[in-house]
Amino acid sequence: MSIERKIRILAGTMILTSLALSQLHSIYWLFLTGFVGLNLLQSSVTGFCPAEKILAKL
């Protein structure tokens, strides 16, 4: 599986998990959703993705 595919799976899982936690636990979990969204936007503009560097080392 390619790193790009792993990043998409990781981002989607984090978004869905934070949305579920915001409904079940605390609304503040939506900050994680926003962080993931901003990171995806930043990586599309700059071409740098921190998750890619971390997953490449694993």
N, C-alpha and C. Protein backbone atom coordinates (compact mmCIF):
# COMPACT_ATOMS: atom_id res chain seq x y z
N MET A 1 0.85 -1.17 0.00
CA MET A 1 0.00 0.00 0.00
C MET A 1 0.90 1.24 0.00
N SER A 2 0.55 2.22 -0.81
CA SER A 2 1.39 3.42 -0.92
C SER A 2 1.20 4.34 0.30
N ILE A 3 2.18 5.22 0.50
CA ILE A 3 2.11 6.15 1.63
C ILE A 3 0.94 7.11 1.47
N GLU A 4 0.67 7.54 0.23
CA GLU A 4 -0.45 8.45 0.00
C GLU A 4 -1.78 7.82 0.42
N ARG A 5 -1.92 6.54 0.11
CA ARG A 5 -3.15 5.85 0.50
C ARG A 5 -3.26 5.72 2.02
N LYS A 6 -2.13 5.44 2.67
CA LYS A 6 -2.13 5.34 4.14
C LYS A 6 -2.50 6.68 4.77
N ILE A 7 -2.01 7.77 4.19
CA ILE A 7 -2.33 9.11 4.72
C ILE A 7 -3.82 9.39 4.59
N ARG A 8 -4.39 9.05 3.46
CA ARG A 8 -5.84 9.26 3.27
C ARG A 8 -6.65 8.43 4.26
N ILE A 9 -6.23 7.19 4.49
CA ILE A 9 -6.92 6.34 5.46
C ILE A 9 -6.80 6.92 6.87
N LEU A 10 -5.59 7.38 7.22
CA LEU A 10 -5.36 7.98 8.53
C LEU A 10 -6.20 9.24 8.72
N ALA A 11 -6.21 10.12 7.73
CA ALA A 11 -6.97 11.37 7.84
C ALA A 11 -8.47 11.08 7.95
N GLY A 12 -8.97 10.19 7.12
CA GLY A 12 -10.39 9.85 7.18
C GLY A 12 -10.79 9.22 8.50
N THR A 13 -9.94 8.35 9.02
CA THR A 13 -10.21 7.71 10.31
C THR A 13 -10.21 8.73 11.44
N MET A 14 -9.24 9.65 11.40
CA MET A 14 -9.18 10.68 12.45
C MET A 14 -10.40 11.60 12.40
N ILE A 15 -10.84 11.96 11.21
CA ILE A 15 -12.01 12.83 11.08
C ILE A 15 -13.26 12.12 11.58
N LEU A 16 -13.47 10.89 11.15
CA LEU A 16 -14.66 10.15 11.59
C LEU A 16 -14.64 9.89 13.09
N THR A 17 -13.48 9.57 13.63
CA THR A 17 -13.36 9.33 15.07
C THR A 17 -13.65 10.60 15.86
N SER A 18 -13.08 11.72 15.42
CA SER A 18 -13.32 12.97 16.15
C SER A 18 -14.77 13.42 16.04
N LEU A 19 -15.41 13.17 14.91
CA LEU A 19 -16.83 13.51 14.80
C LEU A 19 -17.68 12.65 15.73
N ALA A 20 -17.36 11.36 15.81
CA ALA A 20 -18.10 10.48 16.72
C ALA A 20 -17.87 10.90 18.17
N LEU A 21 -16.63 11.21 18.53
CA LEU A 21 -16.34 11.63 19.90
C LEU A 21 -16.99 12.96 20.24
N SER A 22 -17.13 13.84 19.26
CA SER A 22 -17.79 15.12 19.53
C SER A 22 -19.28 14.92 19.83
N GLN A 23 -19.87 13.89 19.26
CA GLN A 23 -21.27 13.61 19.53
C GLN A 23 -21.46 12.84 20.84
N LEU A 24 -20.51 11.98 21.17
CA LEU A 24 -20.65 11.12 22.34
C LEU A 24 -20.02 11.68 23.60
N HIS A 25 -18.99 12.48 23.46
CA HIS A 25 -18.24 12.90 24.64
C HIS A 25 -18.25 14.41 24.83
N SER A 26 -17.58 15.14 23.94
CA SER A 26 -17.43 16.58 24.11
C SER A 26 -17.33 17.25 22.75
N ILE A 27 -17.93 18.42 22.65
CA ILE A 27 -17.91 19.19 21.40
C ILE A 27 -16.49 19.62 21.04
N TYR A 28 -15.60 19.65 22.02
CA TYR A 28 -14.23 20.10 21.79
C TYR A 28 -13.43 19.15 20.90
N TRP A 29 -13.92 17.96 20.67
CA TRP A 29 -13.25 17.04 19.75
C TRP A 29 -13.29 17.57 18.32
N LEU A 30 -14.16 18.54 18.05
CA LEU A 30 -14.21 19.11 16.71
C LEU A 30 -12.94 19.90 16.38
N PHE A 31 -12.18 20.29 17.41
CA PHE A 31 -10.90 20.94 17.15
C PHE A 31 -9.96 19.99 16.41
N LEU A 32 -10.03 18.70 16.73
CA LEU A 32 -9.21 17.72 16.02
C LEU A 32 -9.63 17.64 14.56
N THR A 33 -10.92 17.68 14.30
CA THR A 33 -11.42 17.68 12.92
C THR A 33 -10.87 18.88 12.17
N GLY A 34 -10.93 20.05 12.81
CA GLY A 34 -10.39 21.26 12.19
C GLY A 34 -8.90 21.18 11.95
N PHE A 35 -8.17 20.61 12.90
CA PHE A 35 -6.72 20.46 12.75
C PHE A 35 -6.38 19.56 11.56
N VAL A 36 -7.09 18.45 11.44
CA VAL A 36 -6.84 17.53 10.32
C VAL A 36 -7.16 18.23 9.00
N GLY A 37 -8.27 18.96 8.96
CA GLY A 37 -8.63 19.69 7.74
C GLY A 37 -7.59 20.73 7.37
N LEU A 38 -7.12 21.49 8.36
CA LEU A 38 -6.08 22.49 8.09
C LEU A 38 -4.78 21.84 7.63
N ASN A 39 -4.45 20.70 8.21
CA ASN A 39 -3.24 20.00 7.80
C ASN A 39 -3.36 19.51 6.36
N LEU A 40 -4.53 19.02 5.98
CA LEU A 40 -4.74 18.59 4.59
C LEU A 40 -4.63 19.77 3.63
N LEU A 41 -5.21 20.91 4.02
CA LEU A 41 -5.13 22.11 3.19
C LEU A 41 -3.69 22.58 3.06
N GLN A 42 -2.98 22.63 4.17
CA GLN A 42 -1.58 23.06 4.17
C GLN A 42 -0.72 22.14 3.32
N SER A 43 -0.96 20.84 3.40
CA SER A 43 -0.15 19.92 2.63
C SER A 43 -0.44 20.03 1.13
N SER A 44 -1.67 20.37 0.77
CA SER A 44 -1.98 20.53 -0.65
C SER A 44 -1.35 21.80 -1.23
N VAL A 45 -1.19 22.82 -0.40
CA VAL A 45 -0.61 24.09 -0.87
C VAL A 45 0.92 24.02 -0.89
N THR A 46 1.51 23.49 0.17
CA THR A 46 2.97 23.51 0.29
C THR A 46 3.65 22.24 -0.22
N GLY A 47 2.92 21.14 -0.28
CA GLY A 47 3.52 19.88 -0.68
C GLY A 47 4.22 19.15 0.45
N PHE A 48 4.19 19.71 1.66
CA PHE A 48 4.82 19.09 2.83
C PHE A 48 3.74 18.51 3.72
N CYS A 49 3.86 17.23 4.06
CA CYS A 49 2.90 16.57 4.93
C CYS A 49 3.65 15.89 6.07
N PRO A 50 3.44 16.36 7.31
CA PRO A 50 4.12 15.74 8.45
C PRO A 50 3.81 14.25 8.59
N ALA A 51 2.57 13.86 8.31
CA ALA A 51 2.20 12.45 8.43
C ALA A 51 2.98 11.58 7.45
N GLU A 52 3.31 12.13 6.29
CA GLU A 52 4.09 11.38 5.31
C GLU A 52 5.48 11.08 5.84
N LYS A 53 6.09 12.04 6.51
CA LYS A 53 7.42 11.84 7.09
C LYS A 53 7.38 10.78 8.19
N ILE A 54 6.33 10.82 9.01
CA ILE A 54 6.20 9.86 10.11
C ILE A 54 5.96 8.45 9.56
N LEU A 55 5.04 8.34 8.60
CA LEU A 55 4.73 7.02 8.04
C LEU A 55 5.89 6.45 7.24
N ALA A 56 6.71 7.30 6.66
CA ALA A 56 7.86 6.81 5.90
C ALA A 56 8.88 6.15 6.82
N LYS A 57 8.97 6.62 8.06
CA LYS A 57 9.91 6.04 9.01
C LYS A 57 9.41 4.72 9.59
N LEU A 58 8.10 4.49 9.53
CA LEU A 58 7.54 3.24 10.05
C LEU A 58 7.75 2.19 9.03
